């Protein structure tokens, strides 16, 4: 059974994805600190061009096999992680990193680009670059950011644009 009493639709593919960080519920909320490259800060503190690290994760061979079996049948694991797993890895890094951010809502994920299918064992690291921002009322603003997953050699694996609401 999945959390909440729902039936699981496949194996737990997050096992083996070791980001080296505790799950969000196991660690205290991270408060934004000026100069911290992991936390973008409140809307008014965010600067265009600012780069925020999202952490890193190793593509685990067991997780790759379980994911392809459940969600990409017929995908040969020798080709590396399928695009859907790469997106899932980015989503996980993004979600863990955003704990404690003053981000109140994700409005959209656009312009998804898959460049490589990383093999098992590859360490991927995430980063977010602020591309633009627009105030919306007194208490919030919209932030447009480019997210990238890079491999160990610094090559692009995946990228996308996000639009998110941040508190002021």
C-alpha atoms as a PDB file:
ATOM      1  CA  UNK A   1       0.000   0.000   0.000  1.00  0.00           C
ATOM      2  CA  UNK A   2       1.136   3.518  -0.762  1.00  0.00           C
ATOM      3  CA  UNK A   3       0.934   6.299   1.844  1.00  0.00           C
ATOM      4  CA  UNK A   4      -2.626   7.351   2.587  1.00  0.00           C
ATOM      5  CA  UNK A   5      -3.998   3.833   2.029  1.00  0.00           C
ATOM      6  CA  UNK A   6      -3.806   4.063  -1.771  1.00  0.00           C
ATOM      7  CA  UNK A   7      -2.701   1.082  -3.789  1.00  0.00           C
ATOM      8  CA  UNK A   8       0.876   1.379  -5.044  1.00  0.00           C
ATOM      9  CA  UNK A   9       1.177   1.358  -8.843  1.00  0.00           C
ATOM     10  CA  UNK A  10       4.718   0.042  -8.922  1.00  0.00           C
ATOM     11  CA  UNK A  11       7.762  -0.619  -6.779  1.00  0.00           C
ATOM     12  CA  UNK A  12       9.183   2.084  -4.541  1.00  0.00           C
ATOM     13  CA  UNK A  13      11.570   3.570  -7.087  1.00  0.00           C
ATOM     14  CA  UNK A  14      12.907   6.151  -4.634  1.00  0.00           C
ATOM     15  CA  UNK A  15      14.813   3.469  -2.750  1.00  0.00           C
ATOM     16  CA  UNK A  16      18.440   3.726  -3.708  1.00  0.00           C
ATOM     17  CA  UNK A  17      18.227   7.382  -4.761  1.00  0.00           C
ATOM     18  CA  UNK A  18      20.679   8.630  -2.193  1.00  0.00           C
ATOM     19  CA  UNK A  19      20.828  12.403  -2.206  1.00  0.00           C
ATOM     20  CA  UNK A  20      22.861  12.388   0.997  1.00  0.00           C
ATOM     21  CA  UNK A  21      20.110  14.432   2.646  1.00  0.00           C
ATOM     22  CA  UNK A  22      17.282  13.505   4.979  1.00  0.00           C
ATOM     23  CA  UNK A  23      13.740  13.489   3.639  1.00  0.00           C
ATOM     24  CA  UNK A  24      11.960  16.801   4.238  1.00  0.00           C
ATOM     25  CA  UNK A  25       9.941  15.484   7.198  1.00  0.00           C
ATOM     26  CA  UNK A  26      13.095  14.283   8.996  1.00  0.00           C
ATOM     27  CA  UNK A  27      14.925  17.582   9.156  1.00  0.00           C
ATOM     28  CA  UNK A  28      14.092  21.007  10.491  1.00  0.00           C
ATOM     29  CA  UNK A  29      12.695  23.658   8.171  1.00  0.00           C
ATOM     30  CA  UNK A  30      15.505  25.633   6.555  1.00  0.00           C
ATOM     31  CA  UNK A  31      15.111  29.394   6.924  1.00  0.00           C
ATOM     32  CA  UNK A  32      16.481  31.618   4.144  1.00  0.00           C
ATOM     33  CA  UNK A  33      19.860  33.141   4.976  1.00  0.00           C
ATOM     34  CA  UNK A  34      21.430  35.951   3.027  1.00  0.00           C
ATOM     35  CA  UNK A  35      24.287  34.610   0.909  1.00  0.00           C
ATOM     36  CA  UNK A  36      23.186  30.964   1.189  1.00  0.00           C
ATOM     37  CA  UNK A  37      23.466  29.512  -2.364  1.00  0.00           C
ATOM     38  CA  UNK A  38      20.877  26.835  -1.519  1.00  0.00           C
ATOM     39  CA  UNK A  39      18.057  29.222  -0.604  1.00  0.00           C
ATOM     40  CA  UNK A  40      16.757  31.864  -3.012  1.00  0.00           C
ATOM     41  CA  UNK A  41      15.122  34.044  -0.323  1.00  0.00           C
ATOM     42  CA  UNK A  42      11.945  36.083  -0.346  1.00  0.00           C
ATOM     43  CA  UNK A  43      10.767  37.610  -3.615  1.00  0.00           C
ATOM     44  CA  UNK A  44      12.294  41.051  -2.946  1.00  0.00           C
ATOM     45  CA  UNK A  45      15.675  39.474  -2.055  1.00  0.00           C
ATOM     46  CA  UNK A  46      15.876  37.361  -5.205  1.00  0.00           C
ATOM     47  CA  UNK A  47      18.131  38.731  -7.946  1.00  0.00           C
ATOM     48  CA  UNK A  48      17.982  37.949 -11.643  1.00  0.00           C
ATOM     49  CA  UNK A  49      20.996  35.783 -12.462  1.00  0.00           C
ATOM     50  CA  UNK A  50      21.143  34.324  -8.952  1.00  0.00           C
ATOM     51  CA  UNK A  51      22.117  30.631  -8.952  1.00  0.00           C
ATOM     52  CA  UNK A  52      20.841  28.236  -6.305  1.00  0.00           C
ATOM     53  CA  UNK A  53      22.132  24.685  -5.829  1.00  0.00           C
ATOM     54  CA  UNK A  54      19.537  21.918  -5.631  1.00  0.00           C
ATOM     55  CA  UNK A  55      21.813  19.154  -4.353  1.00  0.00           C
ATOM     56  CA  UNK A  56      23.014  15.992  -5.998  1.00  0.00           C
ATOM     57  CA  UNK A  57      21.950  12.392  -6.402  1.00  0.00           C
ATOM     58  CA  UNK A  58      23.502   9.215  -7.763  1.00  0.00           C
ATOM     59  CA  UNK A  59      21.498   7.184 -10.289  1.00  0.00           C
ATOM     60  CA  UNK A  60      21.173   3.865  -8.471  1.00  0.00           C
ATOM     61  CA  UNK A  61      21.195   0.682 -10.582  1.00  0.00           C
ATOM     62  CA  UNK A  62      18.406  -0.965  -8.546  1.00  0.00           C
ATOM     63  CA  UNK A  63      16.241   2.155  -8.731  1.00  0.00           C
ATOM     64  CA  UNK A  64      16.861   2.341 -12.492  1.00  0.00           C
ATOM     65  CA  UNK A  65      15.779  -1.275 -12.964  1.00  0.00           C
ATOM     66  CA  UNK A  66      12.694  -0.843 -10.755  1.00  0.00           C
ATOM     67  CA  UNK A  67      11.687   2.401 -12.484  1.00  0.00           C
ATOM     68  CA  UNK A  68      12.019   1.005 -15.996  1.00  0.00           C
ATOM     69  CA  UNK A  69      10.095  -2.129 -15.028  1.00  0.00           C
ATOM     70  CA  UNK A  70       7.248  -0.078 -13.536  1.00  0.00           C
ATOM     71  CA  UNK A  71       7.110   3.012 -15.769  1.00  0.00           C
ATOM     72  CA  UNK A  72       9.147   2.419 -18.942  1.00  0.00           C
ATOM     73  CA  UNK A  73       8.622  -1.216 -19.936  1.00  0.00           C
ATOM     74  CA  UNK A  74      10.889  -2.232 -22.767  1.00  0.00           C
ATOM     75  CA  UNK A  75      13.459   0.505 -22.050  1.00  0.00           C
ATOM     76  CA  UNK A  76      16.924  -1.121 -22.002  1.00  0.00           C
ATOM     77  CA  UNK A  77      18.704  -0.044 -18.804  1.00  0.00           C
ATOM     78  CA  UNK A  78      21.989  -0.100 -20.754  1.00  0.00           C
ATOM     79  CA  UNK A  79      20.761   3.148 -22.374  1.00  0.00           C
ATOM     80  CA  UNK A  80      20.735   4.839 -18.956  1.00  0.00           C
ATOM     81  CA  UNK A  81      17.855   6.452 -17.108  1.00  0.00           C
ATOM     82  CA  UNK A  82      14.780   7.038 -19.296  1.00  0.00           C
ATOM     83  CA  UNK A  83      13.560  10.616 -19.692  1.00  0.00           C
ATOM     84  CA  UNK A  84      10.701  10.072 -17.246  1.00  0.00           C
ATOM     85  CA  UNK A  85      13.144   8.947 -14.532  1.00  0.00           C
ATOM     86  CA  UNK A  86      15.390  11.945 -15.202  1.00  0.00           C
ATOM     87  CA  UNK A  87      12.344  14.175 -14.682  1.00  0.00           C
ATOM     88  CA  UNK A  88      11.508  12.292 -11.470  1.00  0.00           C
ATOM     89  CA  UNK A  89      15.077  12.774 -10.192  1.00  0.00           C
ATOM     90  CA  UNK A  90      14.898  16.522 -10.904  1.00  0.00           C
ATOM     91  CA  UNK A  91      11.462  16.714  -9.227  1.00  0.00           C
ATOM     92  CA  UNK A  92      12.838  15.047  -6.113  1.00  0.00           C
ATOM     93  CA  UNK A  93      15.876  17.331  -5.884  1.00  0.00           C
ATOM     94  CA  UNK A  94      13.643  20.367  -6.444  1.00  0.00           C
ATOM     95  CA  UNK A  95      11.115  19.286  -3.804  1.00  0.00           C
ATOM     96  CA  UNK A  96      13.764  18.544  -1.168  1.00  0.00           C
ATOM     97  CA  UNK A  97      15.560  21.830  -1.866  1.00  0.00           C
ATOM     98  CA  UNK A  98      12.372  23.909  -1.685  1.00  0.00           C
ATOM     99  CA  UNK A  99      11.602  22.900   1.913  1.00  0.00           C
ATOM    100  CA  UNK A 100      11.728  26.145   3.879  1.00  0.00           C
ATOM    101  CA  UNK A 101      11.747  28.401   0.818  1.00  0.00           C
ATOM    102  CA  UNK A 102       9.185  31.205   0.732  1.00  0.00           C
ATOM    103  CA  UNK A 103       7.806  29.594  -2.440  1.00  0.00           C
ATOM    104  CA  UNK A 104       4.056  29.200  -2.019  1.00  0.00           C
ATOM    105  CA  UNK A 105       3.049  27.652  -5.334  1.00  0.00           C
ATOM    106  CA  UNK A 106       4.514  26.193  -8.517  1.00  0.00           C
ATOM    107  CA  UNK A 107       2.521  27.600 -11.416  1.00  0.00           C
ATOM    108  CA  UNK A 108       4.146  25.670 -14.218  1.00  0.00           C
ATOM    109  CA  UNK A 109       7.028  23.677 -15.625  1.00  0.00           C
ATOM    110  CA  UNK A 110       7.757  24.470 -19.279  1.00  0.00           C
ATOM    111  CA  UNK A 111      10.362  24.020 -21.996  1.00  0.00           C
ATOM    112  CA  UNK A 112      11.500  20.591 -20.810  1.00  0.00           C
ATOM    113  CA  UNK A 113      14.662  19.413 -22.566  1.00  0.00           C
ATOM    114  CA  UNK A 114      16.310  16.010 -22.231  1.00  0.00           C
ATOM    115  CA  UNK A 115      19.874  15.955 -23.511  1.00  0.00           C
ATOM    116  CA  UNK A 116      21.361  12.734 -22.093  1.00  0.00           C
ATOM    117  CA  UNK A 117      20.222   9.542 -20.393  1.00  0.00           C
ATOM    118  CA  UNK A 118      22.642   9.144 -17.482  1.00  0.00           C
ATOM    119  CA  UNK A 119      23.880   5.620 -16.731  1.00  0.00           C
ATOM    120  CA  UNK A 120      23.573   3.876 -13.383  1.00  0.00           C
ATOM    121  CA  UNK A 121      26.212   5.212 -11.001  1.00  0.00           C
ATOM    122  CA  UNK A 122      26.283   8.712 -12.522  1.00  0.00           C
ATOM    123  CA  UNK A 123      26.080  11.571 -10.011  1.00  0.00           C
ATOM    124  CA  UNK A 124      23.700  14.321 -11.093  1.00  0.00           C
ATOM    125  CA  UNK A 125      23.617  17.770  -9.554  1.00  0.00           C
ATOM    126  CA  UNK A 126      20.854  20.302  -9.803  1.00  0.00           C
ATOM    127  CA  UNK A 127      20.952  24.065 -10.058  1.00  0.00           C
ATOM    128  CA  UNK A 128      18.386  26.801 -10.483  1.00  0.00           C
ATOM    129  CA  UNK A 129      19.116  30.129 -12.184  1.00  0.00           C
ATOM    130  CA  UNK A 130      16.724  33.055 -11.742  1.00  0.00           C
ATOM    131  CA  UNK A 131      15.761  34.352 -15.189  1.00  0.00           C
ATOM    132  CA  UNK A 132      13.108  36.901 -14.293  1.00  0.00           C
ATOM    133  CA  UNK A 133      10.661  38.105 -11.663  1.00  0.00           C
ATOM    134  CA  UNK A 134       7.441  40.079 -11.594  1.00  0.00           C
ATOM    135  CA  UNK A 135       5.715  41.511  -8.502  1.00  0.00           C
ATOM    136  CA  UNK A 136       2.042  40.567  -8.160  1.00  0.00           C
ATOM    137  CA  UNK A 137       0.386  42.619  -5.433  1.00  0.00           C
ATOM    138  CA  UNK A 138       1.789  43.558  -2.066  1.00  0.00           C
ATOM    139  CA  UNK A 139       2.508  40.090  -0.686  1.00  0.00           C
ATOM    140  CA  UNK A 140       3.884  38.012  -3.539  1.00  0.00           C
ATOM    141  CA  UNK A 141       5.667  37.821  -6.861  1.00  0.00           C
ATOM    142  CA  UNK A 142       6.243  35.392  -9.701  1.00  0.00           C
ATOM    143  CA  UNK A 143       9.762  34.052 -10.241  1.00  0.00           C
ATOM    144  CA  UNK A 144      10.827  32.495 -13.542  1.00  0.00           C
ATOM    145  CA  UNK A 145      13.794  30.144 -13.217  1.00  0.00           C
ATOM    146  CA  UNK A 146      15.776  27.751 -15.366  1.00  0.00           C
ATOM    147  CA  UNK A 147      16.541  24.421 -13.719  1.00  0.00           C
ATOM    148  CA  UNK A 148      19.402  22.230 -14.928  1.00  0.00           C
ATOM    149  CA  UNK A 149      20.602  18.735 -14.082  1.00  0.00           C
ATOM    150  CA  UNK A 150      24.302  18.297 -14.839  1.00  0.00           C
ATOM    151  CA  UNK A 151      26.388  15.136 -14.877  1.00  0.00           C
ATOM    152  CA  UNK A 152      29.772  14.629 -13.205  1.00  0.00           C
ATOM    153  CA  UNK A 153      31.568  16.231 -16.156  1.00  0.00           C
ATOM    154  CA  UNK A 154      29.323  19.304 -15.990  1.00  0.00           C
ATOM    155  CA  UNK A 155      27.382  18.355 -19.128  1.00  0.00           C
ATOM    156  CA  UNK A 156      23.694  19.176 -19.356  1.00  0.00           C
ATOM    157  CA  UNK A 157      21.391  16.190 -18.808  1.00  0.00           C
ATOM    158  CA  UNK A 158      18.017  17.926 -18.400  1.00  0.00           C
ATOM    159  CA  UNK A 159      16.649  21.469 -18.220  1.00  0.00           C
ATOM    160  CA  UNK A 160      13.297  23.174 -17.776  1.00  0.00           C
ATOM    161  CA  UNK A 161      11.764  26.543 -16.947  1.00  0.00           C
ATOM    162  CA  UNK A 162       9.557  27.048 -13.916  1.00  0.00           C
ATOM    163  CA  UNK A 163       7.166  29.761 -12.827  1.00  0.00           C
ATOM    164  CA  UNK A 164       6.619  29.970  -9.081  1.00  0.00           C
ATOM    165  CA  UNK A 165       4.940  32.286  -6.605  1.00  0.00           C
ATOM    166  CA  UNK A 166       7.218  33.561  -3.814  1.00  0.00           C
ATOM    167  CA  UNK A 167       6.241  35.550  -0.733  1.00  0.00           C
ATOM    168  CA  UNK A 168       7.567  39.104  -0.484  1.00  0.00           C
END
